[in-house]
Amino acid sequence: MLVRRLVCAGLVLAVCAFAPLGAQEPKDNPAAKSLNRDNPRHKQFLKVVEKGEGDVIFLGDSITQGWEGGAAAKTWKEAFGPFKPVNLGISGDQTGHVIWRITEGKEIEPLKPKLAVIMIGTNNTGGHTAEQIAGGIKAIITELQKQKPDMKILLLGVFPRAGGIAKEDTVAPKDKLNPKIKAINDIISKFSDDKKVFYKDIGDKFLNKDGGLEKKVMPDLLHLSAEGYQIWANAIKDDIAKLVK
């Protein structure tokens, strides 16, 4: 009996050793812990949402906030204007900040949106594992579904980013892309049920034919240029139109 148990235990360990890693559950996950974001921009959001208007909300960090600048604002209006979009992006946000904003911060409480577009996680990459970041994203989805059960969610894969190239270089080759981004996206792609949660990875659309990241699309290899925002808009505007019906 003892031998059989040891053999079985060995088999279990072998299976566990090769089992794919999933998102870390909220308990003891630092990327799923609420982080206070009671700053001026959050307060501005509360004034915007108190009107209760907005069919589509965009939740994210500085990349989402960037829709408000220059040519991106024109693209935003042209691509998403008919959907009464609300930009809830705050520069520097991690998953925990978004969790706070939709819970204690009550940013979406007055709204009855048909769709939430989420792109978050890149600011977590310096201090959290891919599994932890995916767990933080999962916690956001869970909270959104709890508060707005009729709302659909378009979960976007975290956009590519790069580092370690000279300032004068105009392209980051594919071997300089942050590998943690792919690891995050591999996990969060499984959160889709194609009923209420829909996953889309548009990262490849920002890359050149060789798989590299060009500064004309992401000047600092993280934030988007006007061309980058046009790519983003073109990639999801039809999806939004279908999901808000």
Protein backbone atom coordinates (compact mmCIF):
# COMPACT_ATOMS: atom_id res chain seq x y z
CA MET A 1 0.00 0.00 0.00
CA LEU A 2 2.78 2.39 0.97
CA VAL A 3 4.61 1.74 -2.30
CA ARG A 4 1.40 2.34 -4.25
CA ARG A 5 0.80 5.61 -2.41
CA LEU A 6 4.35 6.76 -3.09
CA VAL A 7 4.02 5.90 -6.75
CA CYS A 8 0.72 7.79 -6.93
CA ALA A 9 2.24 10.74 -5.13
CA GLY A 10 5.12 10.69 -7.58
CA LEU A 11 2.70 10.74 -10.48
CA VAL A 12 0.84 13.67 -8.95
CA LEU A 13 4.08 15.58 -8.47
CA ALA A 14 5.09 14.86 -12.04
CA VAL A 15 1.79 16.11 -13.34
CA CYS A 16 1.97 19.23 -11.18
CA ALA A 17 5.51 19.92 -12.32
CA PHE A 18 4.42 20.10 -15.95
CA ALA A 19 1.01 21.69 -15.42
CA PRO A 20 0.69 25.14 -17.02
CA LEU A 21 0.75 28.05 -14.61
CA GLY A 22 -2.44 30.05 -14.29
CA ALA A 23 -3.40 33.35 -12.76
CA GLN A 24 -2.58 33.73 -9.10
CA GLU A 25 -5.74 33.91 -7.01
CA PRO A 26 -6.50 37.18 -5.17
CA LYS A 27 -5.50 35.86 -1.75
CA ASP A 28 -1.92 36.97 -1.05
CA ASN A 29 -1.57 38.27 -4.63
CA PRO A 30 0.01 41.76 -4.46
CA ALA A 31 -1.29 42.61 -7.95
CA ALA A 32 -4.88 41.99 -6.79
CA LYS A 33 -4.71 44.21 -3.71
CA SER A 34 -6.57 47.53 -3.81
CA LEU A 35 -4.24 50.55 -4.13
CA ASN A 36 -5.65 53.97 -3.28
CA ARG A 37 -5.92 56.30 -6.29
CA ASP A 38 -7.69 59.28 -4.74
CA ASN A 39 -5.94 61.83 -6.94
CA PRO A 40 -7.20 64.87 -8.92
CA ARG A 41 -7.88 62.84 -12.07
CA HIS A 42 -9.98 60.36 -10.12
CA LYS A 43 -11.96 63.25 -8.66
CA GLN A 44 -12.43 64.57 -12.19
CA PHE A 45 -13.83 61.18 -13.22
CA LEU A 46 -16.42 61.32 -10.46
CA LYS A 47 -17.77 64.58 -11.87
CA VAL A 48 -17.87 63.09 -15.38
CA VAL A 49 -19.68 59.88 -14.44
CA GLU A 50 -22.23 61.50 -12.11
CA LYS A 51 -24.24 62.35 -15.24
CA GLY A 52 -24.69 58.61 -15.79
CA GLU A 53 -23.78 58.86 -19.49
CA GLY A 54 -21.56 56.44 -21.35
CA ASP A 55 -22.18 53.23 -23.26
CA VAL A 56 -18.50 52.22 -23.37
CA ILE A 57 -15.89 52.72 -20.65
CA PHE A 58 -12.15 52.39 -21.21
CA LEU A 59 -10.21 51.29 -18.11
CA GLY A 60 -6.45 51.51 -18.11
CA ASP A 61 -3.27 53.44 -17.44
CA SER A 62 -1.37 56.22 -19.27
CA ILE A 63 -1.77 54.44 -22.60
CA THR A 64 -5.54 54.74 -22.24
CA GLN A 65 -5.30 58.27 -20.80
CA GLY A 66 -3.31 59.19 -23.92
CA TRP A 67 -6.47 59.09 -26.03
CA GLU A 68 -7.09 62.63 -24.78
CA GLY A 69 -3.99 64.15 -26.37
CA GLY A 70 -3.58 65.82 -29.77
CA ALA A 71 -4.34 63.74 -32.84
CA ALA A 72 -5.38 60.80 -30.65
CA ALA A 73 -8.37 62.81 -29.40
CA LYS A 74 -9.56 63.29 -32.98
CA THR A 75 -9.18 59.56 -33.65
CA TRP A 76 -11.06 58.79 -30.42
CA LYS A 77 -13.99 60.97 -31.47
CA GLU A 78 -14.13 59.58 -35.00
CA ALA A 79 -13.81 55.91 -33.99
CA PHE A 80 -15.73 55.78 -30.72
CA GLY A 81 -17.82 58.96 -30.54
CA PRO A 82 -21.11 57.26 -31.49
CA PHE A 83 -20.75 54.95 -28.46
CA LYS A 84 -20.56 57.79 -25.91
CA PRO A 85 -17.17 56.58 -24.61
CA VAL A 86 -15.76 57.43 -21.19
CA ASN A 87 -11.98 57.47 -20.76
CA LEU A 88 -11.07 56.14 -17.31
CA GLY A 89 -7.33 55.86 -17.86
CA ILE A 90 -4.86 57.17 -15.27
CA SER A 91 -1.14 57.44 -15.88
CA GLY A 92 0.93 55.07 -13.76
CA ASP A 93 -1.96 52.80 -12.83
CA GLN A 94 -1.37 49.19 -11.91
CA THR A 95 -4.09 46.56 -11.61
CA GLY A 96 -4.51 47.38 -7.91
CA HIS A 97 -5.27 51.03 -8.69
CA VAL A 98 -8.03 50.04 -11.10
CA ILE A 99 -9.45 47.70 -8.46
CA TRP A 100 -9.60 50.59 -5.99
CA ARG A 101 -11.14 52.94 -8.52
CA ILE A 102 -14.04 50.60 -9.31
CA THR A 103 -14.61 49.62 -5.66
CA GLU A 104 -13.86 52.22 -2.99
CA GLY A 105 -13.45 54.90 -5.67
CA LYS A 106 -16.95 54.24 -7.09
CA GLU A 107 -15.94 55.44 -10.55
CA ILE A 108 -18.46 53.33 -12.43
CA GLU A 109 -21.28 53.27 -9.85
CA PRO A 110 -23.49 55.91 -11.58
CA LEU A 111 -23.00 54.36 -15.04
CA LYS A 112 -24.91 51.69 -16.92
CA PRO A 113 -22.37 50.86 -19.63
CA LYS A 114 -22.93 48.25 -22.28
CA LEU A 115 -19.22 47.51 -22.61
CA ALA A 116 -15.94 47.93 -20.75
CA VAL A 117 -12.66 47.91 -22.67
CA ILE A 118 -9.75 46.90 -20.45
CA MET A 119 -6.03 47.20 -21.19
CA ILE A 120 -3.98 47.14 -17.97
CA GLY A 121 -0.93 45.44 -16.52
CA THR A 122 2.16 46.93 -18.12
CA ASN A 123 2.96 49.04 -15.02
CA ASN A 124 2.96 45.87 -12.92
CA THR A 125 5.70 44.19 -14.93
CA GLY A 126 8.55 45.63 -12.89
CA GLY A 127 7.40 44.16 -9.58
CA HIS A 128 4.99 41.30 -10.19
CA THR A 129 5.07 37.95 -11.95
CA ALA A 130 2.99 37.24 -15.03
CA GLU A 131 0.75 34.99 -12.92
CA GLN A 132 0.22 37.73 -10.34
CA ILE A 133 -0.57 40.34 -12.99
CA ALA A 134 -3.04 38.00 -14.67
CA GLY A 135 -4.63 37.44 -11.26
CA GLY A 136 -5.00 41.19 -10.82
CA ILE A 137 -6.69 41.47 -14.21
CA LYS A 138 -8.98 38.58 -13.29
CA ALA A 139 -9.92 40.40 -10.07
CA ILE A 140 -10.91 43.46 -12.11
CA ILE A 141 -13.10 41.36 -14.40
CA THR A 142 -14.74 39.65 -11.42
CA GLU A 143 -15.55 42.97 -9.77
CA LEU A 144 -16.93 44.45 -12.99
CA GLN A 145 -19.20 41.45 -13.48
CA LYS A 146 -20.35 41.69 -9.88
CA GLN A 147 -21.29 45.37 -10.22
CA LYS A 148 -22.55 45.36 -13.82
CA PRO A 149 -23.74 41.82 -14.63
CA ASP A 150 -25.31 42.85 -17.94
CA MET A 151 -22.20 44.61 -19.20
CA LYS A 152 -19.87 42.94 -21.70
CA ILE A 153 -16.11 43.16 -21.40
CA LEU A 154 -13.55 43.47 -24.18
CA LEU A 155 -10.28 42.41 -22.60
CA LEU A 156 -7.26 43.47 -24.64
CA GLY A 157 -3.93 41.77 -24.44
CA VAL A 158 -1.26 43.95 -22.83
CA PHE A 159 0.50 45.87 -25.59
CA PRO A 160 4.11 45.02 -26.48
CA ARG A 161 6.89 47.08 -24.97
CA ALA A 162 10.68 47.03 -25.25
CA GLY A 163 13.85 48.28 -23.66
CA GLY A 164 17.58 47.96 -23.85
CA ILE A 165 18.18 49.74 -27.15
CA ALA A 166 20.23 52.87 -27.92
CA LYS A 167 18.45 56.22 -28.10
CA GLU A 168 19.41 56.67 -31.74
CA ASP A 169 17.92 53.32 -32.75
CA THR A 170 14.50 53.57 -34.37
CA VAL A 171 13.46 49.93 -33.99
CA ALA A 172 13.55 47.50 -31.08
CA PRO A 173 14.08 44.03 -32.57
CA LYS A 174 11.76 41.25 -31.47
CA ASP A 175 14.37 39.79 -29.12
CA LYS A 176 14.20 43.05 -27.13
CA LEU A 177 10.46 42.83 -26.54
CA ASN A 178 9.50 42.24 -22.91
CA PRO A 179 8.78 38.49 -22.66
CA LYS A 180 6.59 38.95 -19.58
CA ILE A 181 3.94 40.57 -21.79
CA LYS A 182 3.47 37.39 -23.79
CA ALA A 183 3.33 35.35 -20.59
CA ILE A 184 0.57 37.60 -19.20
CA ASN A 185 -1.42 37.45 -22.41
CA ASP A 186 -1.13 33.66 -22.64
CA ILE A 187 -2.91 33.44 -19.29
CA ILE A 188 -5.53 36.17 -19.67
CA SER A 189 -6.57 34.91 -23.11
CA LYS A 190 -8.23 32.04 -21.23
CA PHE A 191 -10.51 34.43 -19.31
CA SER A 192 -12.73 34.81 -22.36
CA ASP A 193 -16.05 32.98 -22.48
CA ASP A 194 -17.23 34.67 -25.72
CA LYS A 195 -20.52 35.45 -24.00
CA LYS A 196 -19.79 38.28 -21.61
CA VAL A 197 -15.99 38.41 -21.72
CA PHE A 198 -14.19 38.69 -25.06
CA TYR A 199 -10.42 38.63 -25.46
CA LYS A 200 -8.47 40.27 -28.27
CA ASP A 201 -4.72 40.63 -28.66
CA ILE A 202 -3.87 43.39 -31.12
CA GLY A 203 -0.19 43.54 -30.17
CA ASP A 204 1.05 42.23 -33.51
CA LYS A 205 -0.52 45.21 -35.26
CA PHE A 206 2.01 47.50 -33.60
CA LEU A 207 4.97 45.42 -34.83
CA ASN A 208 6.76 45.58 -38.17
CA LYS A 209 7.10 42.67 -40.60
CA ASP A 210 10.15 41.41 -38.69
CA GLY A 211 8.36 41.42 -35.35
CA GLY A 212 10.15 44.51 -34.09
CA LEU A 213 8.69 47.57 -32.39
CA GLU A 214 9.23 50.87 -34.18
CA LYS A 215 9.52 54.24 -32.47
CA LYS A 216 7.21 55.81 -35.04
CA VAL A 217 4.44 53.71 -33.43
CA MET A 218 5.71 53.82 -29.83
CA PRO A 219 8.23 56.69 -29.47
CA ASP A 220 9.48 55.46 -26.09
CA LEU A 221 8.72 51.82 -26.93
CA LEU A 222 5.80 51.92 -24.49
CA HIS A 223 3.44 54.83 -25.20
CA LEU A 224 1.66 55.25 -28.51
CA SER A 225 2.15 57.90 -31.17
CA ALA A 226 -0.77 59.31 -33.17
CA GLU A 227 -0.15 56.48 -35.65
CA GLY A 228 -0.27 53.99 -32.80
CA TYR A 229 -3.64 55.26 -31.60
CA GLN A 230 -5.01 55.02 -35.13
CA ILE A 231 -3.85 51.39 -35.25
CA TRP A 232 -5.61 50.74 -31.93
CA ALA A 233 -8.83 52.38 -33.07
CA ASN A 234 -8.90 50.50 -36.37
CA ALA A 235 -8.29 47.21 -34.58
CA ILE A 236 -11.25 47.38 -32.18
CA LYS A 237 -13.89 49.79 -33.49
CA ASP A 238 -15.79 47.04 -35.32
CA ASP A 239 -15.67 44.81 -32.24
CA ILE A 240 -17.13 47.59 -30.12
CA ALA A 241 -19.90 48.20 -32.62
CA LYS A 242 -20.89 44.53 -32.45
CA LEU A 243 -20.66 44.24 -28.68
CA VAL A 244 -22.78 47.28 -27.83
CA LYS A 245 -25.75 46.14 -29.92
